[in-house]
Amino acid sequence: MELRTPDDERDRGQVGIGTLIVFIAMVLVAAIAAGVLINTAGFLQTKSQETGQQSGKQVTNRLQLNSVTSQNVSEDPEKVATMNATASRAPGASTINLKTVSVQWVGPHTVKTLKWGPTANSENFTTAMLKNAGGGSDYVLNSDADLVRLSFSAWQVTNRSGVDPGDTVTLRVTTASNGRTVRTISVPDSLVGKDVVSL
């Protein structure tokens, strides 16, 4: 029969306490790690949702240019003096405030960013509501059936009496949520005897 001394009992107790401390430490580390993982997962989920919403707005919350016409300069019938583009909300777009829209004009002789203004000039384009089906402000598109005209002073933007026959102009329309629409306009090779030209 083996006899146990008090020292043996003390050693076994110390080993048991040490094991318990290590176990508790492991549990605490695992709990902290789990908390960090949960917080990280929640953060990533939130960021992915925000990114998805922003990307969706950039794709859908934009203007759609339907048609563009030009008018010649009376003093120089061989150049386009003004451009008028009819526009509406793109499918799936939410409310668009036209005063927050910017248009980058990229032509053979001019690259310029135009902002909304009460009149069309070298720095601004202007708008006129053609159909206000949404019943809102003259500067806000509330409905897919709303129709607006964007007017550009080509002769002032280019500072060259207008756009020459055969030239192309690219309009890059950007809304407040970074929804972009790009439209390339080609001027006919001949404008003789034409007051209004469909582009």
N, C-alpha and C. Protein backbone atom coordinates (compact mmCIF):
# COMPACT_ATOMS: atom_id res chain seq x y z
N MET A 1 0.85 -1.19 0.00
CA MET A 1 0.00 0.00 0.00
C MET A 1 0.88 1.25 0.00
N GLU A 2 0.59 2.16 -0.94
CA GLU A 2 1.41 3.37 -1.08
C GLU A 2 0.91 4.45 -0.13
N LEU A 3 1.81 5.02 0.58
CA LEU A 3 1.44 6.07 1.52
C LEU A 3 1.68 7.43 0.88
N ARG A 4 0.71 8.37 0.97
CA ARG A 4 0.83 9.72 0.41
C ARG A 4 1.14 10.70 1.52
N THR A 5 2.14 11.47 1.27
CA THR A 5 2.54 12.48 2.27
C THR A 5 1.81 13.79 1.97
N PRO A 6 1.80 14.69 2.95
CA PRO A 6 1.17 16.00 2.70
C PRO A 6 1.81 16.74 1.53
N ASP A 7 3.13 16.49 1.35
CA ASP A 7 3.79 17.17 0.22
C ASP A 7 3.25 16.69 -1.12
N ASP A 8 2.95 15.38 -1.22
CA ASP A 8 2.36 14.84 -2.45
C ASP A 8 1.02 15.49 -2.75
N GLU A 9 0.20 15.62 -1.72
CA GLU A 9 -1.12 16.23 -1.90
C GLU A 9 -0.99 17.69 -2.34
N ARG A 10 0.01 18.38 -1.75
CA ARG A 10 0.24 19.78 -2.11
C ARG A 10 0.66 19.91 -3.56
N ASP A 11 1.57 19.01 -4.02
CA ASP A 11 2.04 19.04 -5.41
C ASP A 11 0.90 18.80 -6.39
N ARG A 12 0.04 17.81 -6.06
CA ARG A 12 -1.10 17.53 -6.93
C ARG A 12 -2.06 18.71 -7.00
N GLY A 13 -2.25 19.36 -5.88
CA GLY A 13 -3.13 20.54 -5.85
C GLY A 13 -2.58 21.67 -6.69
N GLN A 14 -1.26 21.89 -6.63
CA GLN A 14 -0.64 22.93 -7.42
C GLN A 14 -0.75 22.65 -8.91
N VAL A 15 -0.53 21.35 -9.29
CA VAL A 15 -0.69 20.97 -10.70
C VAL A 15 -2.12 21.21 -11.18
N GLY A 16 -3.09 20.87 -10.34
CA GLY A 16 -4.50 21.07 -10.71
C GLY A 16 -4.83 22.54 -10.88
N ILE A 17 -4.31 23.38 -9.98
CA ILE A 17 -4.56 24.82 -10.09
C ILE A 17 -3.90 25.38 -11.35
N GLY A 18 -2.69 24.92 -11.65
CA GLY A 18 -2.01 25.36 -12.86
C GLY A 18 -2.77 25.00 -14.12
N THR A 19 -3.26 23.76 -14.11
CA THR A 19 -4.07 23.33 -15.27
C THR A 19 -5.32 24.16 -15.41
N LEU A 20 -5.96 24.48 -14.28
CA LEU A 20 -7.18 25.30 -14.30
C LEU A 20 -6.89 26.70 -14.83
N ILE A 21 -5.76 27.28 -14.41
CA ILE A 21 -5.38 28.62 -14.88
C ILE A 21 -5.15 28.62 -16.38
N VAL A 22 -4.43 27.59 -16.88
CA VAL A 22 -4.19 27.49 -18.32
C VAL A 22 -5.50 27.34 -19.07
N PHE A 23 -6.42 26.53 -18.53
CA PHE A 23 -7.73 26.33 -19.17
C PHE A 23 -8.51 27.64 -19.24
N ILE A 24 -8.52 28.37 -18.12
CA ILE A 24 -9.25 29.64 -18.09
C ILE A 24 -8.63 30.63 -19.09
N ALA A 25 -7.28 30.65 -19.15
CA ALA A 25 -6.61 31.53 -20.10
C ALA A 25 -6.98 31.19 -21.54
N MET A 26 -7.05 29.90 -21.85
CA MET A 26 -7.42 29.48 -23.20
C MET A 26 -8.85 29.89 -23.53
N VAL A 27 -9.73 29.74 -22.54
CA VAL A 27 -11.13 30.13 -22.75
C VAL A 27 -11.23 31.64 -23.01
N LEU A 28 -10.47 32.43 -22.23
CA LEU A 28 -10.49 33.88 -22.42
C LEU A 28 -9.95 34.28 -23.79
N VAL A 29 -8.84 33.65 -24.20
CA VAL A 29 -8.28 33.94 -25.52
C VAL A 29 -9.26 33.59 -26.63
N ALA A 30 -9.91 32.43 -26.49
CA ALA A 30 -10.89 32.01 -27.50
C ALA A 30 -12.07 32.97 -27.55
N ALA A 31 -12.51 33.44 -26.36
CA ALA A 31 -13.64 34.38 -26.32
C ALA A 31 -13.26 35.70 -26.98
N ILE A 32 -12.04 36.19 -26.67
CA ILE A 32 -11.60 37.44 -27.28
C ILE A 32 -11.48 37.29 -28.80
N ALA A 33 -10.89 36.18 -29.24
CA ALA A 33 -10.75 35.94 -30.67
C ALA A 33 -12.11 35.87 -31.36
N ALA A 34 -13.06 35.21 -30.69
CA ALA A 34 -14.41 35.11 -31.27
C ALA A 34 -15.05 36.49 -31.37
N GLY A 35 -14.85 37.31 -30.34
CA GLY A 35 -15.40 38.67 -30.38
C GLY A 35 -14.81 39.49 -31.51
N VAL A 36 -13.49 39.38 -31.70
CA VAL A 36 -12.83 40.11 -32.79
C VAL A 36 -13.35 39.64 -34.14
N LEU A 37 -13.51 38.33 -34.30
CA LEU A 37 -14.02 37.79 -35.56
C LEU A 37 -15.44 38.28 -35.83
N ILE A 38 -16.27 38.28 -34.80
CA ILE A 38 -17.66 38.72 -34.97
C ILE A 38 -17.70 40.20 -35.34
N ASN A 39 -16.90 41.02 -34.64
CA ASN A 39 -16.86 42.45 -34.95
C ASN A 39 -16.34 42.70 -36.36
N THR A 40 -15.29 41.97 -36.73
CA THR A 40 -14.74 42.12 -38.08
C THR A 40 -15.74 41.72 -39.14
N ALA A 41 -16.43 40.62 -38.90
CA ALA A 41 -17.45 40.16 -39.86
C ALA A 41 -18.57 41.18 -40.00
N GLY A 42 -19.00 41.75 -38.86
CA GLY A 42 -20.05 42.77 -38.92
C GLY A 42 -19.59 44.01 -39.65
N PHE A 43 -18.34 44.42 -39.40
CA PHE A 43 -17.79 45.60 -40.09
C PHE A 43 -17.70 45.37 -41.59
N LEU A 44 -17.18 44.18 -41.97
CA LEU A 44 -17.06 43.87 -43.39
C LEU A 44 -18.42 43.79 -44.07
N GLN A 45 -19.40 43.26 -43.37
CA GLN A 45 -20.74 43.17 -43.94
C GLN A 45 -21.32 44.56 -44.17
N THR A 46 -21.13 45.45 -43.17
CA THR A 46 -21.62 46.82 -43.30
C THR A 46 -20.94 47.54 -44.46
N LYS A 47 -19.61 47.39 -44.56
CA LYS A 47 -18.88 48.05 -45.64
C LYS A 47 -19.29 47.51 -47.00
N SER A 48 -19.52 46.19 -47.06
CA SER A 48 -19.92 45.61 -48.34
C SER A 48 -21.29 46.10 -48.76
N GLN A 49 -22.19 46.27 -47.77
CA GLN A 49 -23.52 46.79 -48.08
C GLN A 49 -23.42 48.23 -48.57
N GLU A 50 -22.58 49.05 -47.88
CA GLU A 50 -22.41 50.44 -48.30
C GLU A 50 -21.81 50.51 -49.70
N THR A 51 -20.80 49.67 -49.95
CA THR A 51 -20.17 49.65 -51.26
C THR A 51 -21.16 49.23 -52.33
N GLY A 52 -21.97 48.21 -52.01
CA GLY A 52 -22.98 47.76 -52.97
C GLY A 52 -24.00 48.83 -53.28
N GLN A 53 -24.42 49.57 -52.24
CA GLN A 53 -25.39 50.64 -52.45
C GLN A 53 -24.79 51.76 -53.30
N GLN A 54 -23.54 52.13 -52.98
CA GLN A 54 -22.89 53.18 -53.75
C GLN A 54 -22.69 52.76 -55.20
N SER A 55 -22.28 51.51 -55.40
CA SER A 55 -22.09 51.02 -56.77
C SER A 55 -23.41 50.98 -57.51
N GLY A 56 -24.47 50.58 -56.81
CA GLY A 56 -25.79 50.54 -57.44
C GLY A 56 -26.25 51.92 -57.85
N LYS A 57 -25.99 52.93 -56.98
CA LYS A 57 -26.38 54.29 -57.33
C LYS A 57 -25.59 54.80 -58.53
N GLN A 58 -24.30 54.46 -58.60
CA GLN A 58 -23.50 54.90 -59.73
C GLN A 58 -23.98 54.30 -61.03
N VAL A 59 -24.53 53.10 -60.96
CA VAL A 59 -25.00 52.44 -62.17
C VAL A 59 -26.38 52.95 -62.56
N THR A 60 -27.27 53.11 -61.58
CA THR A 60 -28.67 53.41 -61.90
C THR A 60 -29.04 54.88 -61.75
N ASN A 61 -28.44 55.59 -60.81
CA ASN A 61 -28.87 56.96 -60.52
C ASN A 61 -28.16 57.94 -61.45
N ARG A 62 -28.60 57.91 -62.72
CA ARG A 62 -27.96 58.75 -63.73
C ARG A 62 -28.99 59.27 -64.71
N LEU A 63 -28.55 60.26 -65.49
CA LEU A 63 -29.40 60.80 -66.55
C LEU A 63 -29.23 59.98 -67.82
N GLN A 64 -30.29 59.93 -68.59
CA GLN A 64 -30.26 59.24 -69.88
C GLN A 64 -30.51 60.26 -70.97
N LEU A 65 -29.51 60.45 -71.84
CA LEU A 65 -29.66 61.40 -72.94
C LEU A 65 -30.40 60.73 -74.09
N ASN A 66 -31.54 61.29 -74.45
CA ASN A 66 -32.40 60.66 -75.44
C ASN A 66 -32.13 61.15 -76.86
N SER A 67 -31.98 62.44 -77.04
CA SER A 67 -31.71 62.99 -78.37
C SER A 67 -30.96 64.29 -78.24
N VAL A 68 -30.21 64.63 -79.29
CA VAL A 68 -29.43 65.87 -79.29
C VAL A 68 -29.66 66.56 -80.64
N THR A 69 -29.93 67.85 -80.58
CA THR A 69 -30.08 68.65 -81.80
C THR A 69 -29.13 69.83 -81.73
N SER A 70 -28.82 70.40 -82.88
CA SER A 70 -27.93 71.54 -82.93
C SER A 70 -28.55 72.65 -83.75
N GLN A 71 -28.11 73.88 -83.45
CA GLN A 71 -28.59 75.04 -84.19
C GLN A 71 -27.38 75.83 -84.68
N ASN A 72 -27.42 76.28 -85.89
CA ASN A 72 -26.27 76.96 -86.48
C ASN A 72 -26.16 78.41 -86.02
N VAL A 73 -24.95 78.94 -86.06
CA VAL A 73 -24.72 80.37 -85.81
C VAL A 73 -25.19 81.15 -87.03
N SER A 74 -25.99 82.16 -86.80
CA SER A 74 -26.54 82.90 -87.94
C SER A 74 -25.44 83.61 -88.73
N GLU A 75 -24.41 84.14 -88.03
CA GLU A 75 -23.32 84.83 -88.72
C GLU A 75 -22.40 83.85 -89.45
N ASP A 76 -22.36 82.62 -88.99
CA ASP A 76 -21.45 81.63 -89.59
C ASP A 76 -22.20 80.31 -89.69
N PRO A 77 -22.95 80.10 -90.78
CA PRO A 77 -23.80 78.91 -90.91
C PRO A 77 -23.03 77.60 -91.00
N GLU A 78 -21.71 77.68 -91.07
CA GLU A 78 -20.94 76.45 -91.15
C GLU A 78 -20.44 75.96 -89.79
N LYS A 79 -20.99 76.49 -88.72
CA LYS A 79 -20.64 76.04 -87.38
C LYS A 79 -21.90 75.86 -86.53
N VAL A 80 -21.85 74.88 -85.63
CA VAL A 80 -22.97 74.66 -84.71
C VAL A 80 -22.82 75.61 -83.53
N ALA A 81 -23.85 76.42 -83.29
CA ALA A 81 -23.79 77.44 -82.24
C ALA A 81 -24.26 76.92 -80.89
N THR A 82 -25.34 76.16 -80.90
CA THR A 82 -25.90 75.65 -79.65
C THR A 82 -26.25 74.18 -79.79
N MET A 83 -26.28 73.50 -78.67
CA MET A 83 -26.70 72.10 -78.63
C MET A 83 -27.74 71.93 -77.54
N ASN A 84 -28.80 71.21 -77.89
CA ASN A 84 -29.87 70.90 -76.95
C ASN A 84 -30.03 69.39 -76.83
N ALA A 85 -29.94 68.90 -75.62
CA ALA A 85 -30.09 67.46 -75.38
C ALA A 85 -31.30 67.22 -74.50
N THR A 86 -32.20 66.35 -74.94
CA THR A 86 -33.32 65.97 -74.09
C THR A 86 -32.88 64.79 -73.22
N ALA A 87 -33.29 64.83 -71.96
CA ALA A 87 -32.83 63.81 -71.01
C ALA A 87 -33.94 63.42 -70.06
N SER A 88 -33.81 62.23 -69.51
CA SER A 88 -34.74 61.72 -68.50
C SER A 88 -33.95 60.88 -67.51
N ARG A 89 -34.63 60.42 -66.47
CA ARG A 89 -33.96 59.53 -65.53
C ARG A 89 -33.73 58.18 -66.18
N ALA A 90 -32.58 57.58 -65.89
CA ALA A 90 -32.31 56.23 -66.36
C ALA A 90 -33.20 55.26 -65.58
N PRO A 91 -33.53 54.10 -66.16
CA PRO A 91 -34.36 53.12 -65.44
C PRO A 91 -33.74 52.76 -64.10
N GLY A 92 -34.56 52.81 -63.05
CA GLY A 92 -34.10 52.48 -61.71
C GLY A 92 -33.50 53.63 -60.95
N ALA A 93 -33.41 54.80 -61.57
CA ALA A 93 -32.81 55.96 -60.90
C ALA A 93 -33.77 56.55 -59.89
N SER A 94 -33.20 57.15 -58.85
CA SER A 94 -34.01 57.86 -57.86
C SER A 94 -34.06 59.33 -58.26
N THR A 95 -34.51 60.18 -57.34
CA THR A 95 -34.65 61.60 -57.64
C THR A 95 -33.31 62.22 -58.03
N ILE A 96 -33.32 63.03 -59.09
CA ILE A 96 -32.10 63.69 -59.56
C ILE A 96 -32.32 65.20 -59.56
N ASN A 97 -31.46 65.89 -58.81
CA ASN A 97 -31.48 67.35 -58.79
C ASN A 97 -30.56 67.85 -59.90
N LEU A 98 -31.13 68.53 -60.87
CA LEU A 98 -30.35 68.96 -62.03
C LEU A 98 -29.29 70.00 -61.68
N LYS A 99 -29.48 70.72 -60.58
CA LYS A 99 -28.51 71.73 -60.17
C LYS A 99 -27.23 71.10 -59.64
N THR A 100 -27.27 69.81 -59.32
CA THR A 100 -26.06 69.12 -58.83
C THR A 100 -25.38 68.31 -59.92
N VAL A 101 -25.90 68.40 -61.14
CA VAL A 101 -25.33 67.66 -62.27
C VAL A 101 -24.18 68.46 -62.88
N SER A 102 -23.14 67.77 -63.30
CA SER A 102 -22.05 68.42 -64.04
C SER A 102 -21.88 67.71 -65.38
N VAL A 103 -21.40 68.45 -66.37
CA VAL A 103 -21.20 67.91 -67.71
C VAL A 103 -19.78 68.25 -68.16
N GLN A 104 -19.02 67.23 -68.49
CA GLN A 104 -17.70 67.46 -69.06
C GLN A 104 -17.82 67.48 -70.58
N TRP A 105 -17.41 68.59 -71.16
CA TRP A 105 -17.43 68.78 -72.61
C TRP A 105 -16.04 68.45 -73.14
N VAL A 106 -15.96 67.44 -74.01
CA VAL A 106 -14.68 67.05 -74.59
C VAL A 106 -14.79 67.18 -76.10
N GLY A 107 -14.15 68.21 -76.64
CA GLY A 107 -14.20 68.44 -78.08
C GLY A 107 -12.80 68.48 -78.66
N PRO A 108 -12.72 68.69 -79.96
CA PRO A 108 -11.40 68.69 -80.62
C PRO A 108 -10.52 69.85 -80.17
N HIS A 109 -11.12 70.94 -79.69
CA HIS A 109 -10.35 72.11 -79.29
C HIS A 109 -10.56 72.51 -77.84
N THR A 110 -11.50 71.86 -77.16
CA THR A 110 -11.87 72.28 -75.81
C THR A 110 -12.20 71.10 -74.93
N VAL A 111 -11.69 71.13 -73.70
CA VAL A 111 -12.10 70.20 -72.65
C VAL A 111 -12.47 71.04 -71.44
N LYS A 112 -13.74 70.98 -71.05
CA LYS A 112 -14.20 71.86 -69.99
C LYS A 112 -15.32 71.18 -69.21
N THR A 113 -15.37 71.42 -67.89
CA THR A 113 -16.45 70.91 -67.05
C THR A 113 -17.45 72.02 -66.82
N LEU A 114 -18.69 71.77 -67.19
CA LEU A 114 -19.75 72.76 -67.09
C LEU A 114 -20.67 72.43 -65.92
N LYS A 115 -21.08 73.47 -65.21
CA LYS A 115 -22.03 73.34 -64.10
C LYS A 115 -23.38 73.92 -64.52
N TRP A 116 -24.40 73.61 -63.72
CA TRP A 116 -25.72 74.19 -64.01
C TRP A 116 -25.69 75.69 -63.75
N GLY A 117 -26.41 76.44 -64.59
CA GLY A 117 -26.55 77.88 -64.40
C GLY A 117 -27.86 78.36 -65.00
N PRO A 118 -28.27 79.58 -64.67
CA PRO A 118 -29.53 80.11 -65.20
C PRO A 118 -29.49 80.35 -66.70
N THR A 119 -28.28 80.54 -67.24
CA THR A 119 -28.13 80.71 -68.68
C THR A 119 -26.94 79.88 -69.16
N ALA A 120 -26.98 79.49 -70.43
CA ALA A 120 -25.88 78.72 -71.00
C ALA A 120 -24.79 79.67 -71.46
N ASN A 121 -23.55 79.40 -71.01
CA ASN A 121 -22.42 80.24 -71.43
C ASN A 121 -21.15 79.40 -71.44
N SER A 122 -19.99 80.03 -71.31
CA SER A 122 -18.73 79.30 -71.40
C SER A 122 -18.45 78.43 -70.18
N GLU A 123 -19.19 78.65 -69.08
CA GLU A 123 -18.97 77.89 -67.85
C GLU A 123 -20.17 77.05 -67.44
N ASN A 124 -21.34 77.37 -67.97
CA ASN A 124 -22.59 76.74 -67.51
C ASN A 124 -23.42 76.19 -68.66
N PHE A 125 -24.20 75.17 -68.32
CA PHE A 125 -25.30 74.75 -69.18
C PHE A 125 -26.58 75.11 -68.43
N THR A 126 -27.69 75.14 -69.13
CA THR A 126 -28.95 75.45 -68.47
C THR A 126 -29.97 74.37 -68.79
N THR A 127 -31.06 74.34 -68.04
CA THR A 127 -32.08 73.30 -68.23
C THR A 127 -33.46 73.92 -68.31
N ALA A 128 -34.34 73.20 -68.97
CA ALA A 128 -35.75 73.59 -69.04
C ALA A 128 -36.59 72.32 -69.00
N MET A 129 -37.56 72.29 -68.09
CA MET A 129 -38.40 71.11 -67.96
C MET A 129 -39.41 71.06 -69.12
N LEU A 130 -39.36 69.99 -69.89
CA LEU A 130 -40.28 69.82 -71.01
C LEU A 130 -41.54 69.07 -70.58
N LYS A 131 -41.40 68.16 -69.63
CA LYS A 131 -42.54 67.40 -69.12
C LYS A 131 -42.31 67.12 -67.65
N ASN A 132 -43.17 67.69 -66.82
CA ASN A 132 -43.03 67.54 -65.37
C ASN A 132 -44.11 66.61 -64.85
N ALA A 133 -43.96 65.33 -65.14
CA ALA A 133 -44.96 64.35 -64.72
C ALA A 133 -44.93 64.11 -63.22
N GLY A 134 -43.77 64.31 -62.60
CA GLY A 134 -43.65 64.07 -61.16
C GLY A 134 -44.22 65.18 -60.31
N GLY A 135 -44.50 66.33 -60.93
CA GLY A 135 -45.11 67.43 -60.21
C GLY A 135 -44.19 68.13 -59.23
N GLY A 136 -42.89 67.97 -59.38
CA GLY A 136 -41.94 68.59 -58.46
C GLY A 136 -41.39 69.90 -58.99
N SER A 137 -40.21 70.25 -58.52
CA SER A 137 -39.54 71.48 -58.94
C SER A 137 -39.12 71.39 -60.40
N ASP A 138 -38.88 72.56 -61.00
CA ASP A 138 -38.40 72.60 -62.38
C ASP A 138 -36.98 72.09 -62.51
N TYR A 139 -36.32 71.86 -61.38
CA TYR A 139 -34.92 71.41 -61.40
C TYR A 139 -34.74 70.00 -60.87
N VAL A 140 -35.85 69.32 -60.59
CA VAL A 140 -35.75 67.99 -59.98
C VAL A 140 -36.56 66.99 -60.80
N LEU A 141 -35.92 65.87 -61.15
CA LEU A 141 -36.61 64.79 -61.86
C LEU A 141 -37.11 63.77 -60.81
N ASN A 142 -38.42 63.75 -60.63
CA ASN A 142 -39.03 62.86 -59.63
C ASN A 142 -39.62 61.60 -60.26
N SER A 143 -39.84 61.63 -61.55
CA SER A 143 -40.54 60.54 -62.22
C SER A 143 -39.77 60.11 -63.47
N ASP A 144 -39.93 58.83 -63.83
CA ASP A 144 -39.31 58.34 -65.06
C ASP A 144 -39.92 59.01 -66.29
N ALA A 145 -41.11 59.58 -66.12
CA ALA A 145 -41.76 60.24 -67.25
C ALA A 145 -41.35 61.70 -67.40
N ASP A 146 -40.62 62.23 -66.42
CA ASP A 146 -40.13 63.61 -66.54
C ASP A 146 -39.16 63.73 -67.71
N LEU A 147 -39.23 64.86 -68.39
CA LEU A 147 -38.35 65.09 -69.54
C LEU A 147 -37.78 66.50 -69.45
N VAL A 148 -36.47 66.62 -69.60
CA VAL A 148 -35.82 67.92 -69.46
C VAL A 148 -34.92 68.18 -70.66
N ARG A 149 -34.70 69.46 -70.96
CA ARG A 149 -33.79 69.84 -72.03
C ARG A 149 -32.55 70.48 -71.41
N LEU A 150 -31.39 69.95 -71.79
CA LEU A 150 -30.11 70.55 -71.39
C LEU A 150 -29.59 71.35 -72.57
N SER A 151 -29.29 72.63 -72.35
CA SER A 151 -28.85 73.50 -73.44
C SER A 151 -27.41 73.94 -73.22
N PHE A 152 -26.62 73.90 -74.31
CA PHE A 152 -25.21 74.26 -74.26
C PHE A 152 -24.92 75.34 -75.30
N SER A 153 -24.13 76.32 -74.91
CA SER A 153 -23.70 77.35 -75.85
C SER A 153 -22.38 76.91 -76.45
N ALA A 154 -22.44 76.24 -77.58
CA ALA A 154 -21.23 75.68 -78.18
C ALA A 154 -20.24 76.76 -78.58
N TRP A 155 -20.75 77.88 -79.05
CA TRP A 155 -19.83 78.92 -79.50
C TRP A 155 -19.09 79.57 -78.34
N GLN A 156 -19.73 79.64 -77.16
CA GLN A 156 -19.05 80.21 -76.00
C GLN A 156 -18.13 79.19 -75.33
N VAL A 157 -18.55 77.92 -75.29
CA VAL A 157 -17.71 76.88 -74.67
C VAL A 157 -16.42 76.71 -75.46
N THR A 158 -16.53 76.66 -76.79
CA THR A 158 -15.34 76.42 -77.62
C THR A 158 -14.54 77.68 -77.87
N ASN A 159 -15.22 78.84 -77.74
CA ASN A 159 -14.59 80.14 -78.05
C ASN A 159 -14.08 80.17 -79.49
N ARG A 160 -14.81 79.46 -80.36
CA ARG A 160 -14.42 79.37 -81.77
C ARG A 160 -15.64 79.54 -82.68
N SER A 161 -16.63 80.27 -82.24
CA SER A 161 -17.87 80.49 -82.99
C SER A 161 -18.72 79.24 -83.09
N GLY A 162 -18.30 78.15 -82.45
CA GLY A 162 -19.09 76.93 -82.48
C GLY A 162 -18.26 75.71 -82.84
N VAL A 163 -18.97 74.64 -83.19
CA VAL A 163 -18.33 73.36 -83.53
C VAL A 163 -18.34 73.20 -85.05
N ASP A 164 -17.20 72.82 -85.59
CA ASP A 164 -17.05 72.71 -87.04
C ASP A 164 -17.75 71.46 -87.58
N PRO A 165 -18.16 71.50 -88.87
CA PRO A 165 -18.71 70.31 -89.51
C PRO A 165 -17.70 69.17 -89.48
N GLY A 166 -18.19 67.96 -89.22
CA GLY A 166 -17.33 66.79 -89.17
C GLY A 166 -16.67 66.54 -87.83
N ASP A 167 -16.74 67.52 -86.91
CA ASP A 167 -16.14 67.34 -85.59
C ASP A 167 -17.04 66.51 -84.68
N THR A 168 -16.47 65.98 -83.63
CA THR A 168 -17.24 65.23 -82.63
C THR A 168 -17.03 65.87 -81.26
N VAL A 169 -18.08 65.81 -80.47
CA VAL A 169 -18.04 66.30 -79.09
C VAL A 169 -18.57 65.20 -78.19
N THR A 170 -17.88 64.93 -77.10
CA THR A 170 -18.32 63.93 -76.13
C THR A 170 -18.83 64.64 -74.88
N LEU A 171 -20.04 64.31 -74.48
CA LEU A 171 -20.63 64.85 -73.26
C LEU A 171 -20.63 63.76 -72.19
N ARG A 172 -19.98 64.04 -71.07
CA ARG A 172 -19.96 63.10 -69.95
C ARG A 172 -20.75 63.71 -68.81
N VAL A 173 -21.96 63.19 -68.62
CA VAL A 173 -22.90 63.75 -67.65
C VAL A 173 -22.77 62.97 -66.34
N THR A 174 -22.54 63.69 -65.24
CA THR A 174 -22.35 63.05 -63.94
C THR A 174 -23.33 63.63 -62.93
N THR A 175 -24.06 62.75 -62.23
CA THR A 175 -24.99 63.18 -61.20
C THR A 175 -24.27 63.27 -59.85
N ALA A 176 -24.99 63.73 -58.82
CA ALA A 176 -24.38 63.91 -57.50
C ALA A 176 -23.89 62.60 -56.91
N SER A 177 -24.51 61.47 -57.27
CA SER A 177 -24.09 60.16 -56.74
C SER A 177 -23.08 59.48 -57.66
N ASN A 178 -22.48 60.26 -58.56
CA ASN A 178 -21.46 59.76 -59.50
C ASN A 178 -22.01 58.80 -60.55
N GLY A 179 -23.31 58.87 -60.81
CA GLY A 179 -23.86 58.13 -61.93
C GLY A 179 -23.47 58.83 -63.23
N ARG A 180 -22.86 58.10 -64.16
CA ARG A 180 -22.31 58.73 -65.36
C ARG A 180 -22.99 58.23 -66.64
N THR A 181 -23.16 59.18 -67.55
CA THR A 181 -23.66 58.87 -68.89
C THR A 181 -22.73 59.54 -69.89
N VAL A 182 -22.32 58.81 -70.91
CA VAL A 182 -21.42 59.35 -71.93
C VAL A 182 -22.14 59.32 -73.27
N ARG A 183 -22.13 60.46 -73.97
CA ARG A 183 -22.76 60.54 -75.29
C ARG A 183 -21.80 61.25 -76.24
N THR A 184 -21.47 60.60 -77.34
CA THR A 184 -20.61 61.20 -78.36
C THR A 184 -21.48 61.75 -79.49
N ILE A 185 -21.25 63.01 -79.81
CA ILE A 185 -22.06 63.72 -80.80
C ILE A 185 -21.21 63.99 -82.03
N SER A 186 -21.72 63.61 -83.17
CA SER A 186 -21.00 63.84 -84.43
C SER A 186 -21.74 64.88 -85.26
N VAL A 187 -21.03 65.94 -85.62
CA VAL A 187 -21.62 66.99 -86.44
C VAL A 187 -21.51 66.58 -87.90
N PRO A 188 -22.59 66.72 -88.68
CA PRO A 188 -22.53 66.35 -90.11
C PRO A 188 -21.44 67.11 -90.86
N ASP A 189 -20.99 66.52 -91.94
CA ASP A 189 -19.91 67.14 -92.72
C ASP A 189 -20.35 68.43 -93.41
N SER A 190 -21.66 68.56 -93.61
CA SER A 190 -22.16 69.77 -94.26
C SER A 190 -23.35 70.32 -93.47
N LEU A 191 -23.33 71.64 -93.21
CA LEU A 191 -24.42 72.30 -92.50
C LEU A 191 -25.08 73.37 -93.35
N VAL A 192 -24.73 73.42 -94.61
CA VAL A 192 -25.23 74.46 -95.49
C VAL A 192 -26.75 74.35 -95.63
N GLY A 193 -27.43 75.48 -95.40
CA GLY A 193 -28.89 75.54 -95.56
C GLY A 193 -29.66 74.84 -94.44
N LYS A 194 -29.00 74.44 -93.35
CA LYS A 194 -29.68 73.77 -92.26
C LYS A 194 -29.67 74.64 -91.01
N ASP A 195 -30.84 74.85 -90.45
CA ASP A 195 -30.94 75.63 -89.23
C ASP A 195 -30.86 74.73 -87.99
N VAL A 196 -31.50 73.58 -88.07
CA VAL A 196 -31.50 72.64 -86.96
C VAL A 196 -31.07 71.27 -87.49
N VAL A 197 -30.13 70.64 -86.79
CA VAL A 197 -29.61 69.35 -87.22
C VAL A 197 -29.75 68.36 -86.07
N SER A 198 -30.25 67.17 -86.40
CA SER A 198 -30.31 66.10 -85.41
C SER A 198 -28.98 65.37 -85.37
N LEU A 199 -28.42 65.23 -84.16
CA LEU A 199 -27.08 64.64 -84.02
C LEU A 199 -27.17 63.24 -83.44
